[in-house]
Amino acid sequence: MQGRKEIKENKKILLNVLGKTIKELRGEQTQFQFASENDISTDIISKCERGLKDPQFTTLYKLAEGFNLTFTEFACKIQENLPEEISLIEK
C-alpha cells in the first residue's frame, strides 16, 4: 500500500521527467524563443523544466503542439522515461 510520502515522491519523479522531456525536445532553442513562439510564459517553461510546476492540461497541449507532436505522442515520450510502476493514487 502506498502512503502519502510515496505519492509525493512519485509526483516529484513525474514532474522531473516532464521537465527533462521538455528540455530534450526544446533542443538548442532557448526557453524564451520556445515560449514566445508558442504563447507560453518563459516562467512556466523554466519551472516545468526544473520540476517545480505542475502545468495545466492546456499548457501540456500547447507544449505538444510547440514540439509538432500530438498530445498522445508527447504523453508517450514522457511515459517512456517514467518508472514502470509509478502511481499517484493511494492504494
N, C-alpha and C. Protein backbone atom coordinates (compact mmCIF):
# COMPACT_ATOMS: atom_id res chain seq x y z
N MET A 1 0.84 -1.18 0.00
CA MET A 1 0.00 0.00 0.00
C MET A 1 0.89 1.25 0.00
N GLN A 2 0.58 2.17 -0.88
CA GLN A 2 1.33 3.42 -0.96
C GLN A 2 0.86 4.40 0.09
N GLY A 3 1.82 5.09 0.68
CA GLY A 3 1.48 6.13 1.61
C GLY A 3 1.60 7.49 0.94
N ARG A 4 1.22 8.52 1.67
CA ARG A 4 1.28 9.88 1.14
C ARG A 4 2.70 10.29 0.76
N LYS A 5 3.68 9.82 1.53
CA LYS A 5 5.07 10.16 1.25
C LYS A 5 5.50 9.60 -0.11
N GLU A 6 5.14 8.35 -0.38
CA GLU A 6 5.49 7.73 -1.66
C GLU A 6 4.78 8.43 -2.82
N ILE A 7 3.54 8.81 -2.62
CA ILE A 7 2.80 9.52 -3.66
C ILE A 7 3.47 10.87 -3.95
N LYS A 8 3.89 11.54 -2.89
CA LYS A 8 4.58 12.83 -3.05
C LYS A 8 5.88 12.64 -3.84
N GLU A 9 6.62 11.59 -3.53
CA GLU A 9 7.87 11.28 -4.25
C GLU A 9 7.58 10.94 -5.71
N ASN A 10 6.52 10.18 -5.95
CA ASN A 10 6.15 9.83 -7.33
C ASN A 10 5.76 11.07 -8.13
N LYS A 11 5.08 12.00 -7.50
CA LYS A 11 4.73 13.25 -8.18
C LYS A 11 6.00 14.01 -8.54
N LYS A 12 6.96 14.02 -7.64
CA LYS A 12 8.23 14.69 -7.90
C LYS A 12 8.95 14.04 -9.09
N ILE A 13 8.94 12.71 -9.12
CA ILE A 13 9.55 11.97 -10.24
C ILE A 13 8.85 12.33 -11.54
N LEU A 14 7.53 12.33 -11.53
CA LEU A 14 6.75 12.64 -12.72
C LEU A 14 7.07 14.05 -13.24
N LEU A 15 7.11 15.03 -12.35
CA LEU A 15 7.38 16.40 -12.76
C LEU A 15 8.81 16.55 -13.27
N ASN A 16 9.75 15.84 -12.67
CA ASN A 16 11.14 15.89 -13.15
C ASN A 16 11.28 15.26 -14.53
N VAL A 17 10.57 14.16 -14.77
CA VAL A 17 10.60 13.52 -16.09
C VAL A 17 9.95 14.44 -17.13
N LEU A 18 8.86 15.09 -16.76
CA LEU A 18 8.24 16.06 -17.67
C LEU A 18 9.25 17.14 -18.03
N GLY A 19 9.92 17.69 -17.03
CA GLY A 19 10.91 18.74 -17.26
C GLY A 19 12.04 18.30 -18.16
N LYS A 20 12.54 17.10 -17.92
CA LYS A 20 13.62 16.55 -18.74
C LYS A 20 13.15 16.38 -20.19
N THR A 21 11.94 15.91 -20.36
CA THR A 21 11.39 15.70 -21.70
C THR A 21 11.24 17.03 -22.44
N ILE A 22 10.72 18.04 -21.75
CA ILE A 22 10.58 19.36 -22.37
C ILE A 22 11.94 19.89 -22.80
N LYS A 23 12.90 19.80 -21.92
CA LYS A 23 14.24 20.31 -22.21
C LYS A 23 14.86 19.59 -23.41
N GLU A 24 14.71 18.26 -23.45
CA GLU A 24 15.25 17.48 -24.57
C GLU A 24 14.58 17.86 -25.88
N LEU A 25 13.27 17.97 -25.86
CA LEU A 25 12.54 18.30 -27.09
C LEU A 25 12.82 19.73 -27.56
N ARG A 26 13.06 20.62 -26.62
CA ARG A 26 13.35 22.01 -26.96
C ARG A 26 14.69 22.12 -27.67
N GLY A 27 15.60 21.22 -27.35
CA GLY A 27 16.91 21.19 -28.02
C GLY A 27 17.71 22.45 -27.81
N GLU A 28 18.22 23.01 -28.90
CA GLU A 28 19.08 24.19 -28.85
C GLU A 28 18.29 25.49 -28.70
N GLN A 29 16.99 25.41 -28.90
CA GLN A 29 16.15 26.60 -28.80
C GLN A 29 16.11 27.09 -27.34
N THR A 30 16.23 28.39 -27.14
CA THR A 30 16.17 28.91 -25.77
C THR A 30 14.75 28.80 -25.23
N GLN A 31 14.65 28.87 -23.91
CA GLN A 31 13.32 28.89 -23.29
C GLN A 31 12.52 30.08 -23.80
N PHE A 32 13.17 31.22 -23.91
CA PHE A 32 12.50 32.44 -24.37
C PHE A 32 11.97 32.27 -25.79
N GLN A 33 12.79 31.73 -26.68
CA GLN A 33 12.35 31.53 -28.06
C GLN A 33 11.15 30.58 -28.12
N PHE A 34 11.29 29.45 -27.45
CA PHE A 34 10.22 28.46 -27.48
C PHE A 34 8.93 29.03 -26.88
N ALA A 35 9.06 29.69 -25.75
CA ALA A 35 7.89 30.26 -25.07
C ALA A 35 7.22 31.31 -25.94
N SER A 36 8.01 32.19 -26.54
CA SER A 36 7.46 33.26 -27.37
C SER A 36 6.74 32.72 -28.59
N GLU A 37 7.30 31.70 -29.22
CA GLU A 37 6.72 31.14 -30.44
C GLU A 37 5.46 30.32 -30.17
N ASN A 38 5.27 29.93 -28.91
CA ASN A 38 4.15 29.02 -28.60
C ASN A 38 3.18 29.55 -27.56
N ASP A 39 3.23 30.86 -27.30
CA ASP A 39 2.29 31.51 -26.40
C ASP A 39 2.24 30.86 -25.02
N ILE A 40 3.45 30.59 -24.49
CA ILE A 40 3.60 30.03 -23.15
C ILE A 40 4.58 30.94 -22.42
N SER A 41 4.36 31.22 -21.17
CA SER A 41 5.28 32.11 -20.47
C SER A 41 6.63 31.42 -20.23
N THR A 42 7.68 32.20 -20.30
CA THR A 42 9.02 31.69 -20.04
C THR A 42 9.10 31.15 -18.62
N ASP A 43 8.42 31.79 -17.69
CA ASP A 43 8.41 31.35 -16.30
C ASP A 43 7.85 29.93 -16.19
N ILE A 44 6.79 29.64 -16.91
CA ILE A 44 6.20 28.30 -16.87
C ILE A 44 7.17 27.28 -17.45
N ILE A 45 7.78 27.61 -18.59
CA ILE A 45 8.76 26.69 -19.19
C ILE A 45 9.89 26.41 -18.20
N SER A 46 10.42 27.47 -17.61
CA SER A 46 11.52 27.34 -16.67
C SER A 46 11.14 26.47 -15.48
N LYS A 47 9.98 26.74 -14.89
CA LYS A 47 9.54 25.97 -13.72
C LYS A 47 9.24 24.51 -14.08
N CYS A 48 8.67 24.29 -15.25
CA CYS A 48 8.40 22.91 -15.69
C CYS A 48 9.71 22.15 -15.87
N GLU A 49 10.68 22.78 -16.52
CA GLU A 49 11.95 22.11 -16.77
C GLU A 49 12.69 21.79 -15.48
N ARG A 50 12.47 22.54 -14.43
CA ARG A 50 13.11 22.29 -13.15
C ARG A 50 12.26 21.40 -12.24
N GLY A 51 11.12 20.94 -12.74
CA GLY A 51 10.25 20.07 -11.95
C GLY A 51 9.51 20.78 -10.85
N LEU A 52 9.35 22.09 -10.98
CA LEU A 52 8.71 22.89 -9.94
C LEU A 52 7.26 23.25 -10.25
N LYS A 53 6.80 22.92 -11.45
CA LYS A 53 5.45 23.34 -11.87
C LYS A 53 4.67 22.13 -12.36
N ASP A 54 3.46 22.01 -11.88
CA ASP A 54 2.52 21.00 -12.37
C ASP A 54 1.60 21.73 -13.34
N PRO A 55 1.92 21.69 -14.63
CA PRO A 55 1.20 22.53 -15.59
C PRO A 55 -0.24 22.08 -15.83
N GLN A 56 -1.04 23.03 -16.26
CA GLN A 56 -2.43 22.75 -16.62
C GLN A 56 -2.47 21.91 -17.89
N PHE A 57 -3.57 21.26 -18.09
CA PHE A 57 -3.77 20.43 -19.30
C PHE A 57 -3.57 21.26 -20.56
N THR A 58 -4.10 22.49 -20.57
CA THR A 58 -3.97 23.32 -21.77
C THR A 58 -2.51 23.66 -22.05
N THR A 59 -1.72 23.83 -21.01
CA THR A 59 -0.29 24.10 -21.20
C THR A 59 0.41 22.88 -21.78
N LEU A 60 0.07 21.70 -21.29
CA LEU A 60 0.64 20.47 -21.84
C LEU A 60 0.27 20.31 -23.31
N TYR A 61 -0.94 20.67 -23.65
CA TYR A 61 -1.40 20.60 -25.04
C TYR A 61 -0.59 21.57 -25.91
N LYS A 62 -0.38 22.79 -25.40
CA LYS A 62 0.43 23.78 -26.13
C LYS A 62 1.86 23.29 -26.31
N LEU A 63 2.41 22.69 -25.27
CA LEU A 63 3.76 22.15 -25.36
C LEU A 63 3.84 21.11 -26.47
N ALA A 64 2.89 20.19 -26.50
CA ALA A 64 2.86 19.17 -27.55
C ALA A 64 2.82 19.82 -28.92
N GLU A 65 1.93 20.78 -29.09
CA GLU A 65 1.83 21.47 -30.39
C GLU A 65 3.14 22.18 -30.73
N GLY A 66 3.76 22.79 -29.74
CA GLY A 66 5.02 23.50 -29.96
C GLY A 66 6.13 22.57 -30.42
N PHE A 67 6.06 21.32 -30.03
CA PHE A 67 7.04 20.32 -30.45
C PHE A 67 6.59 19.56 -31.70
N ASN A 68 5.50 20.03 -32.31
CA ASN A 68 4.93 19.39 -33.50
C ASN A 68 4.58 17.92 -33.24
N LEU A 69 4.02 17.69 -32.06
CA LEU A 69 3.58 16.36 -31.66
C LEU A 69 2.10 16.41 -31.34
N THR A 70 1.44 15.28 -31.45
CA THR A 70 0.09 15.20 -30.91
C THR A 70 0.22 15.12 -29.39
N PHE A 71 -0.86 15.37 -28.70
CA PHE A 71 -0.81 15.26 -27.25
C PHE A 71 -0.43 13.83 -26.85
N THR A 72 -0.95 12.86 -27.55
CA THR A 72 -0.66 11.46 -27.26
C THR A 72 0.82 11.15 -27.46
N GLU A 73 1.41 11.65 -28.54
CA GLU A 73 2.84 11.43 -28.78
C GLU A 73 3.68 12.05 -27.67
N PHE A 74 3.30 13.26 -27.25
CA PHE A 74 4.02 13.95 -26.18
C PHE A 74 3.89 13.15 -24.88
N ALA A 75 2.69 12.70 -24.56
CA ALA A 75 2.48 11.90 -23.35
C ALA A 75 3.30 10.61 -23.40
N CYS A 76 3.39 9.99 -24.57
CA CYS A 76 4.17 8.75 -24.70
C CYS A 76 5.65 9.00 -24.47
N LYS A 77 6.16 10.15 -24.93
CA LYS A 77 7.58 10.49 -24.71
C LYS A 77 7.84 10.64 -23.21
N ILE A 78 6.90 11.21 -22.50
CA ILE A 78 7.03 11.34 -21.04
C ILE A 78 6.97 9.96 -20.41
N GLN A 79 5.99 9.18 -20.80
CA GLN A 79 5.77 7.83 -20.25
C GLN A 79 7.00 6.94 -20.42
N GLU A 80 7.70 7.07 -21.55
CA GLU A 80 8.88 6.25 -21.84
C GLU A 80 9.96 6.41 -20.77
N ASN A 81 10.02 7.56 -20.13
CA ASN A 81 11.07 7.84 -19.15
C ASN A 81 10.63 7.65 -17.71
N LEU A 82 9.40 7.23 -17.50
CA LEU A 82 8.89 7.01 -16.14
C LEU A 82 9.15 5.59 -15.68
N PRO A 83 9.35 5.40 -14.38
CA PRO A 83 9.43 4.03 -13.86
C PRO A 83 8.12 3.30 -14.15
N GLU A 84 8.20 1.99 -14.37
CA GLU A 84 7.02 1.22 -14.76
C GLU A 84 5.86 1.29 -13.79
N GLU A 85 6.12 1.17 -12.55
CA GLU A 85 5.05 1.05 -11.55
C GLU A 85 4.69 2.36 -10.86
N ILE A 86 4.97 3.49 -11.47
CA ILE A 86 4.67 4.77 -10.81
C ILE A 86 3.16 4.99 -10.73
N SER A 87 2.72 5.51 -9.61
CA SER A 87 1.30 5.79 -9.42
C SER A 87 1.14 7.01 -8.51
N LEU A 88 0.10 7.76 -8.76
CA LEU A 88 -0.22 8.91 -7.93
C LEU A 88 -1.49 8.69 -7.11
N ILE A 89 -1.97 7.45 -7.12
CA ILE A 89 -3.19 7.12 -6.40
C ILE A 89 -2.82 6.26 -5.18
N GLU A 90 -3.37 6.63 -4.05
CA GLU A 90 -3.13 5.87 -2.82
C GLU A 90 -3.92 4.57 -2.92
N LYS A 91 -3.21 3.47 -2.85
CA LYS A 91 -3.86 2.14 -2.98
C LYS A 91 -3.67 1.36 -1.72
